[in-house]
């Protein structure tokens, strides 16, 4: 869900698992933390310029539509499978959340240059 607040990070994971019944564990996905290189830049959020360390996050969206198979020999068929767009957001380098709608980040745009 976009908006943040639904992830558990680093040292908080063992405590969270200890407080969560094992039956609920399959509802969560364990992922390796991606550590992007920090940058210094400015973010315009809520009409205010904030300067300091930032991290950029790129999300690529796709569409996959398939017909479900009918059994052992029929695995189904992929009807559509294509890239549908992207969202680039920038957030402060100390924030573990990233939701733009929740106020943790700001929508950004890419500027590709040939070097």
PDB file of N, CA and C in Angstrom:
ATOM      1  N   UNK A   1       0.840  -1.183   0.000  1.00  0.00           N
ATOM      2  CA  UNK A   1       0.000   0.000   0.000  1.00  0.00           C
ATOM      3  C   UNK A   1       0.875   1.232   0.000  1.00  0.00           C
ATOM      4  N   UNK A   2       0.604   2.156  -0.906  1.00  0.00           N
ATOM      5  CA  UNK A   2       1.360   3.400  -0.933  1.00  0.00           C
ATOM      6  C   UNK A   2       0.966   4.216   0.287  1.00  0.00           C
ATOM      7  N   UNK A   3       1.906   4.912   0.816  1.00  0.00           N
ATOM      8  CA  UNK A   3       1.618   5.752   1.961  1.00  0.00           C
ATOM      9  C   UNK A   3       2.533   5.479   3.131  1.00  0.00           C
ATOM     10  N   UNK A   4       3.198   4.346   3.105  1.00  0.00           N
ATOM     11  CA  UNK A   4       4.136   4.030   4.171  1.00  0.00           C
ATOM     12  C   UNK A   4       3.444   3.551   5.429  1.00  0.00           C
ATOM     13  N   UNK A   5       4.251   3.238   6.420  1.00  0.00           N
ATOM     14  CA  UNK A   5       3.726   2.800   7.696  1.00  0.00           C
ATOM     15  C   UNK A   5       3.410   1.320   7.773  1.00  0.00           C
ATOM     16  N   UNK A   6       3.698   0.575   6.724  1.00  0.00           N
ATOM     17  CA  UNK A   6       3.360  -0.840   6.698  1.00  0.00           C
ATOM     18  C   UNK A   6       4.589  -1.739   6.648  1.00  0.00           C
ATOM     19  N   UNK A   7       5.745  -1.184   6.823  1.00  0.00           N
ATOM     20  CA  UNK A   7       6.982  -1.949   6.744  1.00  0.00           C
ATOM     21  C   UNK A   7       7.678  -1.982   8.101  1.00  0.00           C
ATOM     22  N   UNK A   8       8.413  -3.054   8.312  1.00  0.00           N
ATOM     23  CA  UNK A   8       9.182  -3.207   9.545  1.00  0.00           C
ATOM     24  C   UNK A   8      10.634  -3.326   9.124  1.00  0.00           C
ATOM     25  N   UNK A   9      11.519  -2.527   9.715  1.00  0.00           N
ATOM     26  CA  UNK A   9      12.900  -2.445   9.268  1.00  0.00           C
ATOM     27  C   UNK A   9      13.888  -2.894  10.332  1.00  0.00           C
ATOM     28  N   UNK A  10      14.983  -3.441   9.834  1.00  0.00           N
ATOM     29  CA  UNK A  10      16.210  -3.711  10.592  1.00  0.00           C
ATOM     30  C   UNK A  10      15.965  -4.328  11.967  1.00  0.00           C
ATOM     31  N   UNK A  11      16.427  -3.656  13.019  1.00  0.00           N
ATOM     32  CA  UNK A  11      16.399  -4.195  14.383  1.00  0.00           C
ATOM     33  C   UNK A  11      14.974  -4.367  14.918  1.00  0.00           C
ATOM     34  N   UNK A  12      13.981  -3.748  14.286  1.00  0.00           N
ATOM     35  CA  UNK A  12      12.595  -3.875  14.744  1.00  0.00           C
ATOM     36  C   UNK A  12      11.959  -5.199  14.318  1.00  0.00           C
ATOM     37  N   UNK A  13      12.588  -5.937  13.397  1.00  0.00           N
ATOM     38  CA  UNK A  13      12.002  -7.174  12.876  1.00  0.00           C
ATOM     39  C   UNK A  13      11.857  -8.246  13.963  1.00  0.00           C
ATOM     40  N   UNK A  14      12.904  -8.575  14.733  1.00  0.00           N
ATOM     41  CA  UNK A  14      12.729  -9.628  15.748  1.00  0.00           C
ATOM     42  C   UNK A  14      11.622  -9.319  16.760  1.00  0.00           C
ATOM     43  N   UNK A  15      11.539  -8.091  17.233  1.00  0.00           N
ATOM     44  CA  UNK A  15      10.492  -7.715  18.192  1.00  0.00           C
ATOM     45  C   UNK A  15       9.115  -7.871  17.564  1.00  0.00           C
ATOM     46  N   UNK A  16       8.978  -7.425  16.311  1.00  0.00           N
ATOM     47  CA  UNK A  16       7.697  -7.531  15.611  1.00  0.00           C
ATOM     48  C   UNK A  16       7.272  -8.989  15.472  1.00  0.00           C
ATOM     49  N   UNK A  17       8.203  -9.853  15.061  1.00  0.00           N
ATOM     50  CA  UNK A  17       7.871 -11.269  14.902  1.00  0.00           C
ATOM     51  C   UNK A  17       7.514 -11.907  16.236  1.00  0.00           C
ATOM     52  N   UNK A  18       8.184 -11.480  17.302  1.00  0.00           N
ATOM     53  CA  UNK A  18       7.873 -12.001  18.626  1.00  0.00           C
ATOM     54  C   UNK A  18       6.484 -11.625  19.107  1.00  0.00           C
ATOM     55  N   UNK A  19       5.974 -10.484  18.622  1.00  0.00           N
ATOM     56  CA  UNK A  19       4.650 -10.014  19.025  1.00  0.00           C
ATOM     57  C   UNK A  19       3.549 -10.426  18.055  1.00  0.00           C
ATOM     58  N   UNK A  20       3.936 -11.088  16.955  1.00  0.00           N
ATOM     59  CA  UNK A  20       2.985 -11.484  15.921  1.00  0.00           C
ATOM     60  C   UNK A  20       2.880 -13.004  15.902  1.00  0.00           C
ATOM     61  N   UNK A  21       1.662 -13.522  15.876  1.00  0.00           N
ATOM     62  CA  UNK A  21       1.499 -14.981  15.857  1.00  0.00           C
ATOM     63  C   UNK A  21       2.069 -15.549  14.558  1.00  0.00           C
ATOM     64  N   UNK A  22       2.644 -16.743  14.647  1.00  0.00           N
ATOM     65  CA  UNK A  22       3.266 -17.363  13.475  1.00  0.00           C
ATOM     66  C   UNK A  22       2.265 -17.578  12.342  1.00  0.00           C
ATOM     67  N   UNK A  23       1.007 -17.700  12.647  1.00  0.00           N
ATOM     68  CA  UNK A  23      -0.012 -17.864  11.608  1.00  0.00           C
ATOM     69  C   UNK A  23      -0.083 -16.639  10.697  1.00  0.00           C
ATOM     70  N   UNK A  24       0.318 -15.467  11.215  1.00  0.00           N
ATOM     71  CA  UNK A  24       0.265 -14.214  10.440  1.00  0.00           C
ATOM     72  C   UNK A  24       1.546 -13.972   9.640  1.00  0.00           C
ATOM     73  N   UNK A  25       2.622 -14.690   9.937  1.00  0.00           N
ATOM     74  CA  UNK A  25       3.900 -14.466   9.261  1.00  0.00           C
ATOM     75  C   UNK A  25       3.810 -14.564   7.737  1.00  0.00           C
ATOM     76  N   UNK A  26       3.043 -15.495   7.162  1.00  0.00           N
ATOM     77  CA  UNK A  26       2.983 -15.571   5.691  1.00  0.00           C
ATOM     78  C   UNK A  26       2.413 -14.315   5.015  1.00  0.00           C
ATOM     79  N   UNK A  27       1.787 -13.437   5.776  1.00  0.00           N
ATOM     80  CA  UNK A  27       1.243 -12.196   5.208  1.00  0.00           C
ATOM     81  C   UNK A  27       2.341 -11.172   4.936  1.00  0.00           C
ATOM     82  N   UNK A  28       3.571 -11.451   5.375  1.00  0.00           N
ATOM     83  CA  UNK A  28       4.684 -10.523   5.229  1.00  0.00           C
ATOM     84  C   UNK A  28       5.739 -11.104   4.303  1.00  0.00           C
ATOM     85  N   UNK A  29       6.481 -10.233   3.661  1.00  0.00           N
ATOM     86  CA  UNK A  29       7.553 -10.618   2.749  1.00  0.00           C
ATOM     87  C   UNK A  29       8.862 -10.093   3.317  1.00  0.00           C
ATOM     88  N   UNK A  30       9.850 -10.969   3.421  1.00  0.00           N
ATOM     89  CA  UNK A  30      11.172 -10.570   3.890  1.00  0.00           C
ATOM     90  C   UNK A  30      12.013 -10.192   2.678  1.00  0.00           C
ATOM     91  N   UNK A  31      12.503  -8.963   2.660  1.00  0.00           N
ATOM     92  CA  UNK A  31      13.294  -8.483   1.528  1.00  0.00           C
ATOM     93  C   UNK A  31      14.629  -7.933   2.015  1.00  0.00           C
ATOM     94  N   UNK A  32      15.618  -8.008   1.155  1.00  0.00           N
ATOM     95  CA  UNK A  32      16.911  -7.407   1.463  1.00  0.00           C
ATOM     96  C   UNK A  32      16.799  -5.894   1.293  1.00  0.00           C
ATOM     97  N   UNK A  33      17.355  -5.160   2.233  1.00  0.00           N
ATOM     98  CA  UNK A  33      17.305  -3.700   2.182  1.00  0.00           C
ATOM     99  C   UNK A  33      18.228  -3.185   1.080  1.00  0.00           C
ATOM    100  N   UNK A  34      17.700  -2.355   0.218  1.00  0.00           N
ATOM    101  CA  UNK A  34      18.498  -1.708  -0.819  1.00  0.00           C
ATOM    102  C   UNK A  34      19.038  -0.412  -0.226  1.00  0.00           C
ATOM    103  N   UNK A  35      20.328  -0.215  -0.290  1.00  0.00           N
ATOM    104  CA  UNK A  35      20.964   0.972   0.276  1.00  0.00           C
ATOM    105  C   UNK A  35      21.450   1.873  -0.862  1.00  0.00           C
ATOM    106  N   UNK A  36      20.624   2.819  -1.319  1.00  0.00           N
ATOM    107  CA  UNK A  36      21.050   3.708  -2.408  1.00  0.00           C
ATOM    108  C   UNK A  36      22.100   4.707  -1.927  1.00  0.00           C
ATOM    109  N   UNK A  37      22.888   5.226  -2.852  1.00  0.00           N
ATOM    110  CA  UNK A  37      23.885   6.225  -2.455  1.00  0.00           C
ATOM    111  C   UNK A  37      23.191   7.521  -2.016  1.00  0.00           C
ATOM    112  N   UNK A  38      23.584   8.084  -0.881  1.00  0.00           N
ATOM    113  CA  UNK A  38      22.971   9.336  -0.429  1.00  0.00           C
ATOM    114  C   UNK A  38      23.451  10.527  -1.267  1.00  0.00           C
ATOM    115  N   UNK A  39      22.587  11.491  -1.406  1.00  0.00           N
ATOM    116  CA  UNK A  39      22.895  12.731  -2.136  1.00  0.00           C
ATOM    117  C   UNK A  39      22.494  13.914  -1.269  1.00  0.00           C
ATOM    118  N   UNK A  40      23.020  15.072  -1.593  1.00  0.00           N
ATOM    119  CA  UNK A  40      22.581  16.308  -0.951  1.00  0.00           C
ATOM    120  C   UNK A  40      21.798  17.103  -1.986  1.00  0.00           C
ATOM    121  N   UNK A  41      20.586  17.494  -1.624  1.00  0.00           N
ATOM    122  CA  UNK A  41      19.732  18.205  -2.562  1.00  0.00           C
ATOM    123  C   UNK A  41      18.643  18.935  -1.784  1.00  0.00           C
ATOM    124  N   UNK A  42      17.676  19.480  -2.505  1.00  0.00           N
ATOM    125  CA  UNK A  42      16.556  20.187  -1.887  1.00  0.00           C
ATOM    126  C   UNK A  42      15.253  19.533  -2.329  1.00  0.00           C
ATOM    127  N   UNK A  43      14.286  19.489  -1.419  1.00  0.00           N
ATOM    128  CA  UNK A  43      12.953  18.957  -1.695  1.00  0.00           C
ATOM    129  C   UNK A  43      11.951  20.070  -1.397  1.00  0.00           C
ATOM    130  N   UNK A  44      10.988  20.262  -2.291  1.00  0.00           N
ATOM    131  CA  UNK A  44       9.891  21.188  -2.040  1.00  0.00           C
ATOM    132  C   UNK A  44       8.704  20.349  -1.570  1.00  0.00           C
ATOM    133  N   UNK A  45       8.383  20.466  -0.276  1.00  0.00           N
ATOM    134  CA  UNK A  45       7.290  19.695   0.313  1.00  0.00           C
ATOM    135  C   UNK A  45       6.407  20.619   1.121  1.00  0.00           C
ATOM    136  N   UNK A  46       5.124  20.538   0.856  1.00  0.00           N
ATOM    137  CA  UNK A  46       4.145  21.356   1.591  1.00  0.00           C
ATOM    138  C   UNK A  46       4.483  22.842   1.519  1.00  0.00           C
ATOM    139  N   UNK A  47       4.981  23.290   0.364  1.00  0.00           N
ATOM    140  CA  UNK A  47       5.301  24.693   0.160  1.00  0.00           C
ATOM    141  C   UNK A  47       6.577  25.151   0.827  1.00  0.00           C
ATOM    142  N   UNK A  48       7.349  24.218   1.361  1.00  0.00           N
ATOM    143  CA  UNK A  48       8.571  24.565   2.081  1.00  0.00           C
ATOM    144  C   UNK A  48       9.769  23.847   1.459  1.00  0.00           C
ATOM    145  N   UNK A  49      10.864  24.583   1.268  1.00  0.00           N
ATOM    146  CA  UNK A  49      12.090  23.988   0.743  1.00  0.00           C
ATOM    147  C   UNK A  49      12.871  23.379   1.899  1.00  0.00           C
ATOM    148  N   UNK A  50      13.192  22.096   1.751  1.00  0.00           N
ATOM    149  CA  UNK A  50      13.983  21.389   2.766  1.00  0.00           C
ATOM    150  C   UNK A  50      15.275  20.935   2.108  1.00  0.00           C
ATOM    151  N   UNK A  51      16.399  21.318   2.707  1.00  0.00           N
ATOM    152  CA  UNK A  51      17.707  20.976   2.156  1.00  0.00           C
ATOM    153  C   UNK A  51      18.400  19.963   3.049  1.00  0.00           C
ATOM    154  N   UNK A  52      19.144  19.058   2.407  1.00  0.00           N
ATOM    155  CA  UNK A  52      19.899  18.075   3.187  1.00  0.00           C
ATOM    156  C   UNK A  52      20.092  16.796   2.418  1.00  0.00           C
ATOM    157  N   UNK A  53      20.318  15.715   3.159  1.00  0.00           N
ATOM    158  CA  UNK A  53      20.533  14.412   2.549  1.00  0.00           C
ATOM    159  C   UNK A  53      19.230  13.837   2.017  1.00  0.00           C
ATOM    160  N   UNK A  54      19.274  13.323   0.792  1.00  0.00           N
ATOM    161  CA  UNK A  54      18.090  12.743   0.165  1.00  0.00           C
ATOM    162  C   UNK A  54      18.443  11.403  -0.475  1.00  0.00           C
ATOM    163  N   UNK A  55      17.412  10.615  -0.699  1.00  0.00           N
ATOM    164  CA  UNK A  55      17.523   9.344  -1.399  1.00  0.00           C
ATOM    165  C   UNK A  55      16.426   9.312  -2.454  1.00  0.00           C
ATOM    166  N   UNK A  56      16.777   8.890  -3.657  1.00  0.00           N
ATOM    167  CA  UNK A  56      15.795   8.726  -4.725  1.00  0.00           C
ATOM    168  C   UNK A  56      15.341   7.282  -4.810  1.00  0.00           C
ATOM    169  N   UNK A  57      14.042   7.073  -5.047  1.00  0.00           N
ATOM    170  CA  UNK A  57      13.488   5.735  -5.214  1.00  0.00           C
ATOM    171  C   UNK A  57      12.707   5.695  -6.510  1.00  0.00           C
ATOM    172  N   UNK A  58      13.011   4.709  -7.355  1.00  0.00           N
ATOM    173  CA  UNK A  58      12.333   4.545  -8.630  1.00  0.00           C
ATOM    174  C   UNK A  58      11.458   3.310  -8.573  1.00  0.00           C
ATOM    175  N   UNK A  59      10.173   3.484  -8.817  1.00  0.00           N
ATOM    176  CA  UNK A  59       9.236   2.358  -8.898  1.00  0.00           C
ATOM    177  C   UNK A  59       8.774   2.209 -10.329  1.00  0.00           C
ATOM    178  N   UNK A  60       8.866   1.003 -10.872  1.00  0.00           N
ATOM    179  CA  UNK A  60       8.421   0.727 -12.234  1.00  0.00           C
ATOM    180  C   UNK A  60       7.183  -0.148 -12.141  1.00  0.00           C
ATOM    181  N   UNK A  61       6.120   0.273 -12.830  1.00  0.00           N
ATOM    182  CA  UNK A  61       4.851  -0.430 -12.765  1.00  0.00           C
ATOM    183  C   UNK A  61       4.632  -1.240 -14.036  1.00  0.00           C
ATOM    184  N   UNK A  62       3.955  -2.344 -13.877  1.00  0.00           N
ATOM    185  CA  UNK A  62       3.653  -3.187 -15.018  1.00  0.00           C
ATOM    186  C   UNK A  62       2.238  -3.710 -14.951  1.00  0.00           C
ATOM    187  N   UNK A  63       1.780  -4.226 -16.088  1.00  0.00           N
ATOM    188  CA  UNK A  63       0.459  -4.823 -16.196  1.00  0.00           C
ATOM    189  C   UNK A  63       0.639  -6.257 -16.675  1.00  0.00           C
ATOM    190  N   UNK A  64       0.001  -7.178 -15.987  1.00  0.00           N
ATOM    191  CA  UNK A  64       0.001  -8.569 -16.424  1.00  0.00           C
ATOM    192  C   UNK A  64      -1.418  -9.099 -16.296  1.00  0.00           C
ATOM    193  N   UNK A  65      -1.979  -9.534 -17.415  1.00  0.00           N
ATOM    194  CA  UNK A  65      -3.324 -10.082 -17.454  1.00  0.00           C
ATOM    195  C   UNK A  65      -3.210 -11.483 -18.023  1.00  0.00           C
ATOM    196  N   UNK A  66      -3.773 -12.470 -17.312  1.00  0.00           N
ATOM    197  CA  UNK A  66      -3.657 -13.839 -17.788  1.00  0.00           C
ATOM    198  C   UNK A  66      -4.960 -14.588 -17.611  1.00  0.00           C
ATOM    199  N   UNK A  67      -5.066 -15.658 -18.401  1.00  0.00           N
ATOM    200  CA  UNK A  67      -6.187 -16.586 -18.277  1.00  0.00           C
ATOM    201  C   UNK A  67      -5.696 -17.740 -17.431  1.00  0.00           C
ATOM    202  N   UNK A  68      -6.413 -18.029 -16.373  1.00  0.00           N
ATOM    203  CA  UNK A  68      -6.011 -19.088 -15.452  1.00  0.00           C
ATOM    204  C   UNK A  68      -6.157 -20.444 -16.129  1.00  0.00           C
ATOM    205  N   UNK A  69      -5.190 -21.314 -15.888  1.00  0.00           N
ATOM    206  CA  UNK A  69      -5.223 -22.660 -16.448  1.00  0.00           C
ATOM    207  C   UNK A  69      -6.292 -23.517 -15.801  1.00  0.00           C
ATOM    208  N   UNK A  70      -6.654 -24.561 -16.524  1.00  0.00           N
ATOM    209  CA  UNK A  70      -7.731 -25.421 -16.051  1.00  0.00           C
ATOM    210  C   UNK A  70      -7.265 -26.653 -15.295  1.00  0.00           C
ATOM    211  N   UNK A  71      -5.982 -26.898 -15.245  1.00  0.00           N
ATOM    212  CA  UNK A  71      -5.545 -28.092 -14.543  1.00  0.00           C
ATOM    213  C   UNK A  71      -4.072 -28.362 -14.755  1.00  0.00           C
ATOM    214  N   UNK A  72      -3.680 -29.602 -14.541  1.00  0.00           N
ATOM    215  CA  UNK A  72      -2.267 -29.988 -14.554  1.00  0.00           C
ATOM    216  C   UNK A  72      -1.572 -29.689 -15.885  1.00  0.00           C
ATOM    217  N   UNK A  73      -2.187 -30.045 -16.986  1.00  0.00           N
ATOM    218  CA  UNK A  73      -1.561 -29.816 -18.291  1.00  0.00           C
ATOM    219  C   UNK A  73      -1.798 -28.421 -18.848  1.00  0.00           C
ATOM    220  N   UNK A  74      -2.781 -27.713 -18.335  1.00  0.00           N
ATOM    221  CA  UNK A  74      -3.128 -26.380 -18.832  1.00  0.00           C
ATOM    222  C   UNK A  74      -2.689 -25.340 -17.809  1.00  0.00           C
ATOM    223  N   UNK A  75      -1.546 -24.704 -18.075  1.00  0.00           N
ATOM    224  CA  UNK A  75      -1.002 -23.725 -17.132  1.00  0.00           C
ATOM    225  C   UNK A  75      -1.561 -22.327 -17.348  1.00  0.00           C
ATOM    226  N   UNK A  76      -2.424 -22.165 -18.312  1.00  0.00           N
ATOM    227  CA  UNK A  76      -2.985 -20.854 -18.580  1.00  0.00           C
ATOM    228  C   UNK A  76      -2.229 -20.138 -19.674  1.00  0.00           C
ATOM    229  N   UNK A  77      -2.571 -18.874 -19.869  1.00  0.00           N
ATOM    230  CA  UNK A  77      -1.979 -18.103 -20.957  1.00  0.00           C
ATOM    231  C   UNK A  77      -1.855 -16.640 -20.547  1.00  0.00           C
ATOM    232  N   UNK A  78      -0.686 -16.057 -20.793  1.00  0.00           N
ATOM    233  CA  UNK A  78      -0.489 -14.633 -20.542  1.00  0.00           C
ATOM    234  C   UNK A  78      -1.101 -13.869 -21.714  1.00  0.00           C
ATOM    235  N   UNK A  79      -2.073 -13.019 -21.432  1.00  0.00           N
ATOM    236  CA  UNK A  79      -2.759 -12.255 -22.465  1.00  0.00           C
ATOM    237  C   UNK A  79      -2.099 -10.902 -22.709  1.00  0.00           C
ATOM    238  N   UNK A  80      -1.672 -10.237 -21.643  1.00  0.00           N
ATOM    239  CA  UNK A  80      -1.002  -8.935 -21.731  1.00  0.00           C
ATOM    240  C   UNK A  80       0.113  -8.908 -20.697  1.00  0.00           C
ATOM    241  N   UNK A  81       1.254  -8.312 -21.052  1.00  0.00           N
ATOM    242  CA  UNK A  81       2.365  -8.162 -20.112  1.00  0.00           C
ATOM    243  C   UNK A  81       3.215  -7.001 -20.615  1.00  0.00           C
ATOM    244  N   UNK A  82       3.071  -5.832 -19.982  1.00  0.00           N
ATOM    245  CA  UNK A  82       3.799  -4.661 -20.456  1.00  0.00           C
ATOM    246  C   UNK A  82       4.077  -3.683 -19.330  1.00  0.00           C
ATOM    247  N   UNK A  83       5.083  -2.850 -19.571  1.00  0.00           N
ATOM    248  CA  UNK A  83       5.470  -1.780 -18.634  1.00  0.00           C
ATOM    249  C   UNK A  83       4.417  -0.687 -18.732  1.00  0.00           C
ATOM    250  N   UNK A  84       4.003  -0.170 -17.570  1.00  0.00           N
ATOM    251  CA  UNK A  84       2.900   0.785 -17.553  1.00  0.00           C
ATOM    252  C   UNK A  84       3.277   2.156 -17.005  1.00  0.00           C
ATOM    253  N   UNK A  85       4.523   2.371 -16.671  1.00  0.00           N
ATOM    254  CA  UNK A  85       4.915   3.681 -16.182  1.00  0.00           C
ATOM    255  C   UNK A  85       5.872   3.599 -15.011  1.00  0.00           C
ATOM    256  N   UNK A  86       6.158   4.740 -14.445  1.00  0.00           N
ATOM    257  CA  UNK A  86       7.093   4.785 -13.331  1.00  0.00           C
ATOM    258  C   UNK A  86       6.725   5.918 -12.387  1.00  0.00           C
ATOM    259  N   UNK A  87       7.268   5.840 -11.195  1.00  0.00           N
ATOM    260  CA  UNK A  87       7.159   6.914 -10.221  1.00  0.00           C
ATOM    261  C   UNK A  87       8.532   7.091  -9.598  1.00  0.00           C
ATOM    262  N   UNK A  88       9.057   8.277  -9.691  1.00  0.00           N
ATOM    263  CA  UNK A  88      10.320   8.602  -9.041  1.00  0.00           C
ATOM    264  C   UNK A  88       9.988   9.508  -7.866  1.00  0.00           C
ATOM    265  N   UNK A  89      10.430   9.105  -6.687  1.00  0.00           N
ATOM    266  CA  UNK A  89      10.184   9.936  -5.518  1.00  0.00           C
ATOM    267  C   UNK A  89      11.496  10.155  -4.780  1.00  0.00           C
ATOM    268  N   UNK A  90      11.558  11.258  -4.083  1.00  0.00           N
ATOM    269  CA  UNK A  90      12.734  11.618  -3.296  1.00  0.00           C
ATOM    270  C   UNK A  90      12.281  11.825  -1.863  1.00  0.00           C
ATOM    271  N   UNK A  91      13.094  11.352  -0.935  1.00  0.00           N
ATOM    272  CA  UNK A  91      12.758  11.495   0.480  1.00  0.00           C
ATOM    273  C   UNK A  91      14.031  11.796   1.251  1.00  0.00           C
ATOM    274  N   UNK A  92      13.879  12.222   2.469  1.00  0.00           N
ATOM    275  CA  UNK A  92      15.032  12.467   3.316  1.00  0.00           C
ATOM    276  C   UNK A  92      15.791  11.173   3.588  1.00  0.00           C
ATOM    277  N   UNK A  93      17.104  11.258   3.694  1.00  0.00           N
ATOM    278  CA  UNK A  93      17.919  10.049   3.845  1.00  0.00           C
ATOM    279  C   UNK A  93      17.789   9.383   5.210  1.00  0.00           C
ATOM    280  N   UNK A  94      17.076   9.990   6.142  1.00  0.00           N
ATOM    281  CA  UNK A  94      16.873   9.356   7.448  1.00  0.00           C
ATOM    282  C   UNK A  94      15.484   8.730   7.578  1.00  0.00           C
ATOM    283  N   UNK A  95      14.632   8.892   6.561  1.00  0.00           N
ATOM    284  CA  UNK A  95      13.274   8.351   6.606  1.00  0.00           C
ATOM    285  C   UNK A  95      13.250   6.920   6.107  1.00  0.00           C
ATOM    286  N   UNK A  96      12.655   6.024   6.884  1.00  0.00           N
ATOM    287  CA  UNK A  96      12.490   4.650   6.428  1.00  0.00           C
ATOM    288  C   UNK A  96      11.196   4.486   5.650  1.00  0.00           C
ATOM    289  N   UNK A  97      10.290   5.427   5.783  1.00  0.00           N
ATOM    290  CA  UNK A  97       9.052   5.401   5.017  1.00  0.00           C
ATOM    291  C   UNK A  97       9.279   6.157   3.707  1.00  0.00           C
ATOM    292  N   UNK A  98       8.351   6.024   2.783  1.00  0.00           N
ATOM    293  CA  UNK A  98       8.562   6.698   1.519  1.00  0.00           C
ATOM    294  C   UNK A  98       7.309   7.199   0.852  1.00  0.00           C
ATOM    295  N   UNK A  99       6.174   7.078   1.499  1.00  0.00           N
ATOM    296  CA  UNK A  99       4.926   7.442   0.861  1.00  0.00           C
ATOM    297  C   UNK A  99       4.803   8.931   0.590  1.00  0.00           C
ATOM    298  N   UNK A 100       4.556   9.275  -0.667  1.00  0.00           N
ATOM    299  CA  UNK A 100       4.358  10.671  -1.053  1.00  0.00           C
ATOM    300  C   UNK A 100       3.048  11.181  -0.462  1.00  0.00           C
ATOM    301  N   UNK A 101       1.987  10.377  -0.585  1.00  0.00           N
ATOM    302  CA  UNK A 101       0.673  10.802  -0.092  1.00  0.00           C
ATOM    303  C   UNK A 101       0.669  10.996   1.421  1.00  0.00           C
ATOM    304  N   UNK A 102       1.502  10.252   2.126  1.00  0.00           N
ATOM    305  CA  UNK A 102       1.556  10.360   3.584  1.00  0.00           C
ATOM    306  C   UNK A 102       2.519  11.448   4.045  1.00  0.00           C
ATOM    307  N   UNK A 103       3.189  12.118   3.101  1.00  0.00           N
ATOM    308  CA  UNK A 103       4.061  13.227   3.471  1.00  0.00           C
ATOM    309  C   UNK A 103       5.508  12.859   3.736  1.00  0.00           C
ATOM    310  N   UNK A 104       5.888  11.605   3.455  1.00  0.00           N
ATOM    311  CA  UNK A 104       7.267  11.187   3.711  1.00  0.00           C
ATOM    312  C   UNK A 104       8.206  11.521   2.559  1.00  0.00           C
ATOM    313  N   UNK A 105       7.671  11.670   1.359  1.00  0.00           N
ATOM    314  CA  UNK A 105       8.509  11.919   0.197  1.00  0.00           C
ATOM    315  C   UNK A 105       7.867  12.925  -0.731  1.00  0.00           C
ATOM    316  N   UNK A 106       8.557  13.214  -1.819  1.00  0.00           N
ATOM    317  CA  UNK A 106       8.055  14.148  -2.826  1.00  0.00           C
ATOM    318  C   UNK A 106       8.212  13.516  -4.201  1.00  0.00           C
ATOM    319  N   UNK A 107       7.232  13.738  -5.069  1.00  0.00           N
ATOM    320  CA  UNK A 107       7.315  13.236  -6.442  1.00  0.00           C
ATOM    321  C   UNK A 107       8.441  13.970  -7.135  1.00  0.00           C
ATOM    322  N   UNK A 108       9.201  13.251  -7.930  1.00  0.00           N
ATOM    323  CA  UNK A 108      10.370  13.809  -8.603  1.00  0.00           C
ATOM    324  C   UNK A 108      10.270  13.479 -10.093  1.00  0.00           C
ATOM    325  N   UNK A 109      11.221  13.956 -10.870  1.00  0.00           N
ATOM    326  CA  UNK A 109      11.269  13.607 -12.289  1.00  0.00           C
ATOM    327  C   UNK A 109      12.718  13.331 -12.668  1.00  0.00           C
ATOM    328  N   UNK A 110      12.862  12.475 -13.656  1.00  0.00           N
ATOM    329  CA  UNK A 110      14.211  12.089 -14.094  1.00  0.00           C
ATOM    330  C   UNK A 110      14.694  13.029 -15.189  1.00  0.00           C
ATOM    331  N   UNK A 111      15.973  13.288 -15.184  1.00  0.00           N
ATOM    332  CA  UNK A 111      16.627  14.064 -16.241  1.00  0.00           C
ATOM    333  C   UNK A 111      17.803  13.219 -16.727  1.00  0.00           C
ATOM    334  N   UNK A 112      17.636  12.574 -17.869  1.00  0.00           N
ATOM    335  CA  UNK A 112      18.673  11.705 -18.401  1.00  0.00           C
ATOM    336  C   UNK A 112      19.611  12.513 -19.283  1.00  0.00           C
ATOM    337  N   UNK A 113      20.895  12.317 -19.067  1.00  0.00           N
ATOM    338  CA  UNK A 113      21.899  13.041 -19.847  1.00  0.00           C
ATOM    339  C   UNK A 113      22.895  12.043 -20.448  1.00  0.00           C
ATOM    340  N   UNK A 114      23.415  12.364 -21.591  1.00  0.00           N
ATOM    341  CA  UNK A 114      24.409  11.525 -22.254  1.00  0.00           C
ATOM    342  C   UNK A 114      25.789  12.006 -21.839  1.00  0.00           C
ATOM    343  N   UNK A 115      26.551  11.171 -21.160  1.00  0.00           N
ATOM    344  CA  UNK A 115      27.890  11.567 -20.722  1.00  0.00           C
ATOM    345  C   UNK A 115      28.961  10.727 -21.387  1.00  0.00           C
TER     346      UNK A 115
END
